[in-house]
């Protein structure tokens, strides 16, 4: 069976740390910031750390 091709969209949106944790940025950060308060915008700066069940799937899609 051939190797699974890596997904470019997943490579672009997710990062894997040295310990294997997968990080991604939060949604709702692109535009329309006037309707969001400062605390919400500050919270949106923090990355999402995916749970291990999801990170296994994402790492497989990245080809790692």
PDB file of N, CA and C in Angstrom:
ATOM      1  N   UNK A   1       0.846  -1.181   0.000  1.00  0.00           N
ATOM      2  CA  UNK A   1       0.000   0.000   0.000  1.00  0.00           C
ATOM      3  C   UNK A   1       0.893   1.247   0.000  1.00  0.00           C
ATOM      4  N   UNK A   2       0.563   2.256  -0.814  1.00  0.00           N
ATOM      5  CA  UNK A   2       1.428   3.440  -0.880  1.00  0.00           C
ATOM      6  C   UNK A   2       1.336   4.293   0.376  1.00  0.00           C
ATOM      7  N   UNK A   3       2.322   5.160   0.519  1.00  0.00           N
ATOM      8  CA  UNK A   3       2.329   6.076   1.660  1.00  0.00           C
ATOM      9  C   UNK A   3       1.177   7.065   1.550  1.00  0.00           C
ATOM     10  N   UNK A   4       0.693   7.534   2.707  1.00  0.00           N
ATOM     11  CA  UNK A   4      -0.357   8.538   2.712  1.00  0.00           C
ATOM     12  C   UNK A   4       0.252   9.897   2.391  1.00  0.00           C
ATOM     13  N   UNK A   5      -0.385  10.641   1.497  1.00  0.00           N
ATOM     14  CA  UNK A   5       0.137  11.957   1.143  1.00  0.00           C
ATOM     15  C   UNK A   5      -0.111  12.924   2.293  1.00  0.00           C
ATOM     16  N   UNK A   6       0.839  13.814   2.527  1.00  0.00           N
ATOM     17  CA  UNK A   6       0.659  14.799   3.591  1.00  0.00           C
ATOM     18  C   UNK A   6      -0.270  15.901   3.096  1.00  0.00           C
ATOM     19  N   UNK A   7      -1.079  16.423   3.990  1.00  0.00           N
ATOM     20  CA  UNK A   7      -2.068  17.441   3.650  1.00  0.00           C
ATOM     21  C   UNK A   7      -1.451  18.823   3.844  1.00  0.00           C
ATOM     22  N   UNK A   8      -1.368  19.592   2.780  1.00  0.00           N
ATOM     23  CA  UNK A   8      -0.759  20.921   2.840  1.00  0.00           C
ATOM     24  C   UNK A   8      -1.522  21.877   3.733  1.00  0.00           C
ATOM     25  N   UNK A   9      -2.859  21.760   3.742  1.00  0.00           N
ATOM     26  CA  UNK A   9      -3.673  22.650   4.571  1.00  0.00           C
ATOM     27  C   UNK A   9      -3.398  22.414   6.051  1.00  0.00           C
ATOM     28  N   UNK A  10      -3.168  21.156   6.422  1.00  0.00           N
ATOM     29  CA  UNK A  10      -2.883  20.824   7.819  1.00  0.00           C
ATOM     30  C   UNK A  10      -1.495  21.321   8.197  1.00  0.00           C
ATOM     31  N   UNK A  11      -0.524  21.173   7.286  1.00  0.00           N
ATOM     32  CA  UNK A  11       0.838  21.651   7.550  1.00  0.00           C
ATOM     33  C   UNK A  11       0.851  23.153   7.803  1.00  0.00           C
ATOM     34  N   UNK A  12      -0.022  23.871   7.087  1.00  0.00           N
ATOM     35  CA  UNK A  12      -0.056  25.325   7.181  1.00  0.00           C
ATOM     36  C   UNK A  12      -0.679  25.795   8.496  1.00  0.00           C
ATOM     37  N   UNK A  13      -1.646  25.043   9.018  1.00  0.00           N
ATOM     38  CA  UNK A  13      -2.433  25.513  10.157  1.00  0.00           C
ATOM     39  C   UNK A  13      -1.972  24.992  11.515  1.00  0.00           C
ATOM     40  N   UNK A  14      -1.193  23.923  11.547  1.00  0.00           N
ATOM     41  CA  UNK A  14      -0.805  23.298  12.809  1.00  0.00           C
ATOM     42  C   UNK A  14       0.705  23.231  12.939  1.00  0.00           C
ATOM     43  N   UNK A  15       1.188  23.263  14.193  1.00  0.00           N
ATOM     44  CA  UNK A  15       2.615  23.101  14.483  1.00  0.00           C
ATOM     45  C   UNK A  15       2.762  22.025  15.556  1.00  0.00           C
ATOM     46  N   UNK A  16       3.805  21.218  15.434  1.00  0.00           N
ATOM     47  CA  UNK A  16       4.071  20.171  16.425  1.00  0.00           C
ATOM     48  C   UNK A  16       5.275  20.601  17.248  1.00  0.00           C
ATOM     49  N   UNK A  17       5.137  20.568  18.586  1.00  0.00           N
ATOM     50  CA  UNK A  17       6.239  20.917  19.466  1.00  0.00           C
ATOM     51  C   UNK A  17       7.189  19.732  19.584  1.00  0.00           C
ATOM     52  N   UNK A  18       8.330  19.932  20.245  1.00  0.00           N
ATOM     53  CA  UNK A  18       9.303  18.852  20.409  1.00  0.00           C
ATOM     54  C   UNK A  18       8.738  17.699  21.224  1.00  0.00           C
ATOM     55  N   UNK A  19       7.853  18.016  22.165  1.00  0.00           N
ATOM     56  CA  UNK A  19       7.270  16.956  22.990  1.00  0.00           C
ATOM     57  C   UNK A  19       6.096  16.265  22.302  1.00  0.00           C
ATOM     58  N   UNK A  20       5.736  16.708  21.087  1.00  0.00           N
ATOM     59  CA  UNK A  20       4.677  16.044  20.333  1.00  0.00           C
ATOM     60  C   UNK A  20       3.309  16.667  20.480  1.00  0.00           C
ATOM     61  N   UNK A  21       3.203  17.763  21.224  1.00  0.00           N
ATOM     62  CA  UNK A  21       1.925  18.447  21.382  1.00  0.00           C
ATOM     63  C   UNK A  21       1.654  19.263  20.121  1.00  0.00           C
ATOM     64  N   UNK A  22       0.413  19.239  19.650  1.00  0.00           N
ATOM     65  CA  UNK A  22       0.051  19.975  18.438  1.00  0.00           C
ATOM     66  C   UNK A  22      -0.611  21.284  18.839  1.00  0.00           C
ATOM     67  N   UNK A  23      -0.114  22.389  18.243  1.00  0.00           N
ATOM     68  CA  UNK A  23      -0.640  23.723  18.528  1.00  0.00           C
ATOM     69  C   UNK A  23      -1.262  24.294  17.263  1.00  0.00           C
ATOM     70  N   UNK A  24      -2.320  25.093  17.445  1.00  0.00           N
ATOM     71  CA  UNK A  24      -2.890  25.830  16.321  1.00  0.00           C
ATOM     72  C   UNK A  24      -3.437  27.146  16.852  1.00  0.00           C
ATOM     73  N   UNK A  25      -3.625  28.098  15.952  1.00  0.00           N
ATOM     74  CA  UNK A  25      -4.125  29.397  16.389  1.00  0.00           C
ATOM     75  C   UNK A  25      -5.647  29.357  16.462  1.00  0.00           C
ATOM     76  N   UNK A  26      -6.201  30.244  17.244  1.00  0.00           N
ATOM     77  CA  UNK A  26      -7.640  30.273  17.463  1.00  0.00           C
ATOM     78  C   UNK A  26      -8.358  30.922  16.287  1.00  0.00           C
ATOM     79  N   UNK A  27      -9.595  30.511  16.022  1.00  0.00           N
ATOM     80  CA  UNK A  27     -10.364  31.170  14.968  1.00  0.00           C
ATOM     81  C   UNK A  27     -10.871  32.536  15.421  1.00  0.00           C
ATOM     82  N   UNK A  28     -11.504  33.269  14.547  1.00  0.00           N
ATOM     83  CA  UNK A  28     -12.096  34.598  14.808  1.00  0.00           C
ATOM     84  C   UNK A  28     -11.043  35.659  15.046  1.00  0.00           C
ATOM     85  N   UNK A  29      -9.892  35.556  14.382  1.00  0.00           N
ATOM     86  CA  UNK A  29      -8.844  36.551  14.560  1.00  0.00           C
ATOM     87  C   UNK A  29      -8.571  37.346  13.296  1.00  0.00           C
ATOM     88  N   UNK A  30      -9.245  37.035  12.211  1.00  0.00           N
ATOM     89  CA  UNK A  30      -8.909  37.626  10.925  1.00  0.00           C
ATOM     90  C   UNK A  30      -9.337  39.071  10.756  1.00  0.00           C
ATOM     91  N   UNK A  31     -10.576  39.368  11.093  1.00  0.00           N
ATOM     92  CA  UNK A  31     -11.103  40.712  10.863  1.00  0.00           C
ATOM     93  C   UNK A  31     -12.272  40.942  11.807  1.00  0.00           C
ATOM     94  N   UNK A  32     -12.911  42.111  11.697  1.00  0.00           N
ATOM     95  CA  UNK A  32     -14.051  42.517  12.538  1.00  0.00           C
ATOM     96  C   UNK A  32     -13.668  42.540  14.019  1.00  0.00           C
ATOM     97  N   UNK A  33     -12.603  43.270  14.328  1.00  0.00           N
ATOM     98  CA  UNK A  33     -12.144  43.368  15.714  1.00  0.00           C
ATOM     99  C   UNK A  33     -12.863  44.459  16.499  1.00  0.00           C
ATOM    100  N   UNK A  34     -13.590  45.325  15.828  1.00  0.00           N
ATOM    101  CA  UNK A  34     -14.260  46.418  16.530  1.00  0.00           C
ATOM    102  C   UNK A  34     -15.355  45.898  17.452  1.00  0.00           C
ATOM    103  N   UNK A  35     -15.968  44.775  17.086  1.00  0.00           N
ATOM    104  CA  UNK A  35     -17.053  44.233  17.904  1.00  0.00           C
ATOM    105  C   UNK A  35     -16.548  43.370  19.057  1.00  0.00           C
ATOM    106  N   UNK A  36     -15.234  43.133  19.131  1.00  0.00           N
ATOM    107  CA  UNK A  36     -14.673  42.316  20.207  1.00  0.00           C
ATOM    108  C   UNK A  36     -14.014  43.218  21.249  1.00  0.00           C
ATOM    109  N   UNK A  37     -14.186  42.892  22.523  1.00  0.00           N
ATOM    110  CA  UNK A  37     -13.546  43.698  23.560  1.00  0.00           C
ATOM    111  C   UNK A  37     -12.085  43.281  23.731  1.00  0.00           C
ATOM    112  N   UNK A  38     -11.342  44.048  24.510  1.00  0.00           N
ATOM    113  CA  UNK A  38      -9.898  43.841  24.642  1.00  0.00           C
ATOM    114  C   UNK A  38      -9.578  42.493  25.267  1.00  0.00           C
ATOM    115  N   UNK A  39     -10.366  42.077  26.258  1.00  0.00           N
ATOM    116  CA  UNK A  39     -10.104  40.798  26.925  1.00  0.00           C
ATOM    117  C   UNK A  39     -10.293  39.632  25.962  1.00  0.00           C
ATOM    118  N   UNK A  40     -11.299  39.726  25.117  1.00  0.00           N
ATOM    119  CA  UNK A  40     -11.543  38.655  24.158  1.00  0.00           C
ATOM    120  C   UNK A  40     -10.414  38.574  23.135  1.00  0.00           C
ATOM    121  N   UNK A  41      -9.950  39.731  22.659  1.00  0.00           N
ATOM    122  CA  UNK A  41      -8.849  39.744  21.693  1.00  0.00           C
ATOM    123  C   UNK A  41      -7.568  39.214  22.319  1.00  0.00           C
ATOM    124  N   UNK A  42      -7.370  39.491  23.600  1.00  0.00           N
ATOM    125  CA  UNK A  42      -6.190  38.993  24.311  1.00  0.00           C
ATOM    126  C   UNK A  42      -6.259  37.468  24.445  1.00  0.00           C
ATOM    127  N   UNK A  43      -7.430  36.940  24.742  1.00  0.00           N
ATOM    128  CA  UNK A  43      -7.605  35.484  24.851  1.00  0.00           C
ATOM    129  C   UNK A  43      -7.401  34.790  23.506  1.00  0.00           C
ATOM    130  N   UNK A  44      -7.776  35.470  22.433  1.00  0.00           N
ATOM    131  CA  UNK A  44      -7.629  34.882  21.104  1.00  0.00           C
ATOM    132  C   UNK A  44      -6.173  34.778  20.671  1.00  0.00           C
ATOM    133  N   UNK A  45      -5.278  35.515  21.331  1.00  0.00           N
ATOM    134  CA  UNK A  45      -3.854  35.433  20.991  1.00  0.00           C
ATOM    135  C   UNK A  45      -3.230  34.119  21.434  1.00  0.00           C
ATOM    136  N   UNK A  46      -3.784  33.494  22.460  1.00  0.00           N
ATOM    137  CA  UNK A  46      -3.205  32.262  22.992  1.00  0.00           C
ATOM    138  C   UNK A  46      -3.524  31.087  22.072  1.00  0.00           C
ATOM    139  N   UNK A  47      -2.557  30.217  21.797  1.00  0.00           N
ATOM    140  CA  UNK A  47      -2.812  29.093  20.892  1.00  0.00           C
ATOM    141  C   UNK A  47      -3.646  28.003  21.559  1.00  0.00           C
ATOM    142  N   UNK A  48      -4.227  27.168  20.732  1.00  0.00           N
ATOM    143  CA  UNK A  48      -4.974  26.002  21.200  1.00  0.00           C
ATOM    144  C   UNK A  48      -4.007  24.822  21.241  1.00  0.00           C
ATOM    145  N   UNK A  49      -3.981  24.102  22.346  1.00  0.00           N
ATOM    146  CA  UNK A  49      -3.209  22.860  22.448  1.00  0.00           C
ATOM    147  C   UNK A  49      -4.197  21.711  22.271  1.00  0.00           C
ATOM    148  N   UNK A  50      -4.017  20.948  21.217  1.00  0.00           N
ATOM    149  CA  UNK A  50      -4.973  19.891  20.902  1.00  0.00           C
ATOM    150  C   UNK A  50      -4.833  18.716  21.866  1.00  0.00           C
ATOM    151  N   UNK A  51      -5.944  18.035  22.177  1.00  0.00           N
ATOM    152  CA  UNK A  51      -5.853  16.828  22.998  1.00  0.00           C
ATOM    153  C   UNK A  51      -5.120  15.721  22.244  1.00  0.00           C
ATOM    154  N   UNK A  52      -4.640  14.732  22.970  1.00  0.00           N
ATOM    155  CA  UNK A  52      -3.792  13.699  22.369  1.00  0.00           C
ATOM    156  C   UNK A  52      -4.521  12.902  21.295  1.00  0.00           C
ATOM    157  N   UNK A  53      -5.831  12.719  21.443  1.00  0.00           N
ATOM    158  CA  UNK A  53      -6.573  11.957  20.434  1.00  0.00           C
ATOM    159  C   UNK A  53      -6.593  12.693  19.100  1.00  0.00           C
ATOM    160  N   UNK A  54      -6.706  14.016  19.133  1.00  0.00           N
ATOM    161  CA  UNK A  54      -6.708  14.816  17.904  1.00  0.00           C
ATOM    162  C   UNK A  54      -5.296  14.983  17.361  1.00  0.00           C
ATOM    163  N   UNK A  55      -4.324  15.146  18.259  1.00  0.00           N
ATOM    164  CA  UNK A  55      -2.963  15.405  17.799  1.00  0.00           C
ATOM    165  C   UNK A  55      -2.397  14.199  17.057  1.00  0.00           C
ATOM    166  N   UNK A  56      -2.804  13.004  17.434  1.00  0.00           N
ATOM    167  CA  UNK A  56      -2.365  11.801  16.723  1.00  0.00           C
ATOM    168  C   UNK A  56      -2.865  11.835  15.277  1.00  0.00           C
ATOM    169  N   UNK A  57      -4.117  12.226  15.091  1.00  0.00           N
ATOM    170  CA  UNK A  57      -4.704  12.320  13.756  1.00  0.00           C
ATOM    171  C   UNK A  57      -4.026  13.410  12.931  1.00  0.00           C
ATOM    172  N   UNK A  58      -3.776  14.561  13.545  1.00  0.00           N
ATOM    173  CA  UNK A  58      -3.157  15.684  12.836  1.00  0.00           C
ATOM    174  C   UNK A  58      -1.730  15.332  12.431  1.00  0.00           C
ATOM    175  N   UNK A  59      -0.982  14.679  13.323  1.00  0.00           N
ATOM    176  CA  UNK A  59       0.389  14.290  12.988  1.00  0.00           C
ATOM    177  C   UNK A  59       0.418  13.296  11.825  1.00  0.00           C
ATOM    178  N   UNK A  60      -0.562  12.409  11.780  1.00  0.00           N
ATOM    179  CA  UNK A  60      -0.636  11.462  10.667  1.00  0.00           C
ATOM    180  C   UNK A  60      -0.940  12.191   9.357  1.00  0.00           C
ATOM    181  N   UNK A  61      -1.787  13.222   9.419  1.00  0.00           N
ATOM    182  CA  UNK A  61      -2.108  13.994   8.218  1.00  0.00           C
ATOM    183  C   UNK A  61      -0.922  14.829   7.740  1.00  0.00           C
ATOM    184  N   UNK A  62      -0.067  15.247   8.682  1.00  0.00           N
ATOM    185  CA  UNK A  62       1.103  16.038   8.312  1.00  0.00           C
ATOM    186  C   UNK A  62       2.193  15.184   7.684  1.00  0.00           C
ATOM    187  N   UNK A  63       2.107  13.893   7.841  1.00  0.00           N
ATOM    188  CA  UNK A  63       3.117  13.004   7.302  1.00  0.00           C
ATOM    189  C   UNK A  63       4.271  12.782   8.248  1.00  0.00           C
ATOM    190  N   UNK A  64       4.092  13.149   9.522  1.00  0.00           N
ATOM    191  CA  UNK A  64       5.167  12.989  10.513  1.00  0.00           C
ATOM    192  C   UNK A  64       5.009  11.693  11.272  1.00  0.00           C
TER     193      UNK A  64
END
